[in-house]
């Protein structure tokens, strides 16, 4: 039914930045049924300002998988689910861009903004 998503990134715009962490919770309309979480190595240093916001350091993601390594798994967690996130367009734009860079087609039926 629903994929409740939260990401952290190296900056504010998908065009110039990368995902550093993703969490996805499946929700059936009544309760959380499953979850997925991973740090992601963005292939670049995480700015100190971003570390201050997220608590994620370059050292923490050094041994984490890159997006390509987990892209298919992330896709399976999101496929055929309503995408739910706080500031949904932000999270959606980063994930969509990463999928496009790895030739994975993905659209969501819908996305919902949680405020």
C-alpha atoms as a PDB file:
ATOM      1  CA  UNK A   1       0.000   0.000   0.000  1.00  0.00           C
ATOM      2  CA  UNK A   2       2.312   2.750   1.267  1.00  0.00           C
ATOM      3  CA  UNK A   3       6.055   3.305   1.249  1.00  0.00           C
ATOM      4  CA  UNK A   4       6.965   5.871   3.887  1.00  0.00           C
ATOM      5  CA  UNK A   5      10.347   7.247   2.864  1.00  0.00           C
ATOM      6  CA  UNK A   6      13.028   9.409   4.423  1.00  0.00           C
ATOM      7  CA  UNK A   7      16.369  10.252   2.841  1.00  0.00           C
ATOM      8  CA  UNK A   8      19.417  12.280   3.771  1.00  0.00           C
ATOM      9  CA  UNK A   9      21.589  13.864   1.094  1.00  0.00           C
ATOM     10  CA  UNK A  10      24.811  15.766   0.459  1.00  0.00           C
ATOM     11  CA  UNK A  11      22.861  18.947  -0.330  1.00  0.00           C
ATOM     12  CA  UNK A  12      19.585  20.572  -1.265  1.00  0.00           C
ATOM     13  CA  UNK A  13      19.142  19.836  -4.971  1.00  0.00           C
ATOM     14  CA  UNK A  14      19.036  16.499  -6.778  1.00  0.00           C
ATOM     15  CA  UNK A  15      20.876  17.956  -9.785  1.00  0.00           C
ATOM     16  CA  UNK A  16      24.121  18.452  -7.870  1.00  0.00           C
ATOM     17  CA  UNK A  17      23.898  16.169  -4.842  1.00  0.00           C
ATOM     18  CA  UNK A  18      23.569  12.527  -3.822  1.00  0.00           C
ATOM     19  CA  UNK A  19      21.680  10.393  -1.317  1.00  0.00           C
ATOM     20  CA  UNK A  20      23.609   9.384   1.822  1.00  0.00           C
ATOM     21  CA  UNK A  21      20.895   7.472   3.684  1.00  0.00           C
ATOM     22  CA  UNK A  22      17.498   5.981   2.915  1.00  0.00           C
ATOM     23  CA  UNK A  23      14.835   4.459   5.130  1.00  0.00           C
ATOM     24  CA  UNK A  24      11.635   2.916   3.764  1.00  0.00           C
ATOM     25  CA  UNK A  25       8.750   1.659   5.874  1.00  0.00           C
ATOM     26  CA  UNK A  26       5.901  -0.373   4.410  1.00  0.00           C
ATOM     27  CA  UNK A  27       2.536   0.507   5.891  1.00  0.00           C
ATOM     28  CA  UNK A  28      -0.712  -1.337   5.190  1.00  0.00           C
ATOM     29  CA  UNK A  29      -3.018   1.474   6.306  1.00  0.00           C
ATOM     30  CA  UNK A  30      -3.098   0.208   9.885  1.00  0.00           C
ATOM     31  CA  UNK A  31       0.484  -0.419  10.908  1.00  0.00           C
ATOM     32  CA  UNK A  32       4.079  -0.725   9.747  1.00  0.00           C
ATOM     33  CA  UNK A  33       4.621  -4.153   8.206  1.00  0.00           C
ATOM     34  CA  UNK A  34       8.311  -4.052   7.238  1.00  0.00           C
ATOM     35  CA  UNK A  35      11.267  -1.700   6.857  1.00  0.00           C
ATOM     36  CA  UNK A  36      14.508  -1.171   4.953  1.00  0.00           C
ATOM     37  CA  UNK A  37      17.401   1.108   5.900  1.00  0.00           C
ATOM     38  CA  UNK A  38      20.907   1.724   4.615  1.00  0.00           C
ATOM     39  CA  UNK A  39      23.587   4.355   4.510  1.00  0.00           C
ATOM     40  CA  UNK A  40      24.725   5.059   0.942  1.00  0.00           C
ATOM     41  CA  UNK A  41      28.199   6.046  -0.189  1.00  0.00           C
ATOM     42  CA  UNK A  42      27.645   9.136  -2.354  1.00  0.00           C
ATOM     43  CA  UNK A  43      31.116   8.936  -3.898  1.00  0.00           C
ATOM     44  CA  UNK A  44      32.071  12.340  -2.522  1.00  0.00           C
ATOM     45  CA  UNK A  45      32.770  13.995   0.799  1.00  0.00           C
ATOM     46  CA  UNK A  46      29.803  15.079   2.829  1.00  0.00           C
ATOM     47  CA  UNK A  47      29.975  18.826   3.535  1.00  0.00           C
ATOM     48  CA  UNK A  48      30.491  19.731   7.203  1.00  0.00           C
ATOM     49  CA  UNK A  49      27.281  21.762   7.135  1.00  0.00           C
ATOM     50  CA  UNK A  50      25.322  18.667   6.074  1.00  0.00           C
ATOM     51  CA  UNK A  51      27.027  16.554   8.744  1.00  0.00           C
ATOM     52  CA  UNK A  52      25.836  19.153  11.253  1.00  0.00           C
ATOM     53  CA  UNK A  53      22.248  18.742  10.023  1.00  0.00           C
ATOM     54  CA  UNK A  54      22.146  14.965   9.615  1.00  0.00           C
ATOM     55  CA  UNK A  55      24.874  13.597  11.854  1.00  0.00           C
ATOM     56  CA  UNK A  56      26.174  11.560   8.894  1.00  0.00           C
ATOM     57  CA  UNK A  57      29.913  11.857   8.279  1.00  0.00           C
ATOM     58  CA  UNK A  58      32.024  10.938   5.271  1.00  0.00           C
ATOM     59  CA  UNK A  59      33.652   8.258   7.426  1.00  0.00           C
ATOM     60  CA  UNK A  60      30.272   6.680   8.197  1.00  0.00           C
ATOM     61  CA  UNK A  61      29.469   6.143   4.506  1.00  0.00           C
ATOM     62  CA  UNK A  62      32.980   5.164   3.413  1.00  0.00           C
ATOM     63  CA  UNK A  63      32.207   1.416   3.560  1.00  0.00           C
ATOM     64  CA  UNK A  64      28.496   1.753   2.719  1.00  0.00           C
ATOM     65  CA  UNK A  65      27.166   0.504  -0.629  1.00  0.00           C
ATOM     66  CA  UNK A  66      26.812   2.996  -3.469  1.00  0.00           C
ATOM     67  CA  UNK A  67      23.336   3.643  -4.854  1.00  0.00           C
ATOM     68  CA  UNK A  68      23.871   1.362  -7.830  1.00  0.00           C
ATOM     69  CA  UNK A  69      24.510  -1.578  -5.468  1.00  0.00           C
ATOM     70  CA  UNK A  70      21.154  -1.155  -3.728  1.00  0.00           C
ATOM     71  CA  UNK A  71      19.092   0.406  -6.540  1.00  0.00           C
ATOM     72  CA  UNK A  72      17.150  -2.739  -7.428  1.00  0.00           C
ATOM     73  CA  UNK A  73      16.385  -3.454  -3.787  1.00  0.00           C
ATOM     74  CA  UNK A  74      15.184   0.122  -3.248  1.00  0.00           C
ATOM     75  CA  UNK A  75      13.083  -0.141  -6.397  1.00  0.00           C
ATOM     76  CA  UNK A  76      11.410  -3.311  -5.115  1.00  0.00           C
ATOM     77  CA  UNK A  77      10.608  -1.572  -1.813  1.00  0.00           C
ATOM     78  CA  UNK A  78       8.965   1.351  -3.649  1.00  0.00           C
ATOM     79  CA  UNK A  79       7.311  -0.436  -6.576  1.00  0.00           C
ATOM     80  CA  UNK A  80       3.506  -0.303  -6.667  1.00  0.00           C
ATOM     81  CA  UNK A  81       3.288   1.676  -3.425  1.00  0.00           C
ATOM     82  CA  UNK A  82       2.036   5.163  -2.659  1.00  0.00           C
ATOM     83  CA  UNK A  83       5.141   7.248  -1.914  1.00  0.00           C
ATOM     84  CA  UNK A  84       4.765   9.074   1.417  1.00  0.00           C
ATOM     85  CA  UNK A  85       7.350  11.479   2.817  1.00  0.00           C
ATOM     86  CA  UNK A  86       7.766  14.772   4.600  1.00  0.00           C
ATOM     87  CA  UNK A  87       8.582  17.196   1.775  1.00  0.00           C
ATOM     88  CA  UNK A  88       7.822  14.357  -0.659  1.00  0.00           C
ATOM     89  CA  UNK A  89       8.981  16.200  -3.779  1.00  0.00           C
ATOM     90  CA  UNK A  90      12.495  16.553  -2.333  1.00  0.00           C
ATOM     91  CA  UNK A  91      12.872  12.851  -1.534  1.00  0.00           C
ATOM     92  CA  UNK A  92      11.125  11.787  -4.741  1.00  0.00           C
ATOM     93  CA  UNK A  93      13.365  13.986  -6.926  1.00  0.00           C
ATOM     94  CA  UNK A  94      16.570  12.500  -5.507  1.00  0.00           C
ATOM     95  CA  UNK A  95      15.398   8.902  -5.803  1.00  0.00           C
ATOM     96  CA  UNK A  96      14.014   9.472  -9.314  1.00  0.00           C
ATOM     97  CA  UNK A  97      17.310  11.033 -10.437  1.00  0.00           C
ATOM     98  CA  UNK A  98      19.365   8.158  -9.022  1.00  0.00           C
ATOM     99  CA  UNK A  99      17.113   5.618 -10.741  1.00  0.00           C
ATOM    100  CA  UNK A 100      17.406   7.491 -14.053  1.00  0.00           C
ATOM    101  CA  UNK A 101      21.207   7.528 -13.755  1.00  0.00           C
ATOM    102  CA  UNK A 102      21.098   3.724 -13.440  1.00  0.00           C
ATOM    103  CA  UNK A 103      18.497   3.159 -16.194  1.00  0.00           C
ATOM    104  CA  UNK A 104      15.780   2.042 -13.796  1.00  0.00           C
ATOM    105  CA  UNK A 105      12.292   3.156 -14.760  1.00  0.00           C
ATOM    106  CA  UNK A 106      10.169   4.184 -11.821  1.00  0.00           C
ATOM    107  CA  UNK A 107       7.090   6.215 -11.286  1.00  0.00           C
ATOM    108  CA  UNK A 108       4.830   6.196  -8.310  1.00  0.00           C
ATOM    109  CA  UNK A 109       1.062   5.971  -8.477  1.00  0.00           C
ATOM    110  CA  UNK A 110       0.898   8.917  -6.188  1.00  0.00           C
ATOM    111  CA  UNK A 111       2.881  10.711  -3.612  1.00  0.00           C
ATOM    112  CA  UNK A 112       1.693  12.272  -0.418  1.00  0.00           C
ATOM    113  CA  UNK A 113       3.205  15.191   1.438  1.00  0.00           C
ATOM    114  CA  UNK A 114       3.380  14.851   5.175  1.00  0.00           C
ATOM    115  CA  UNK A 115       3.762  18.185   6.868  1.00  0.00           C
END
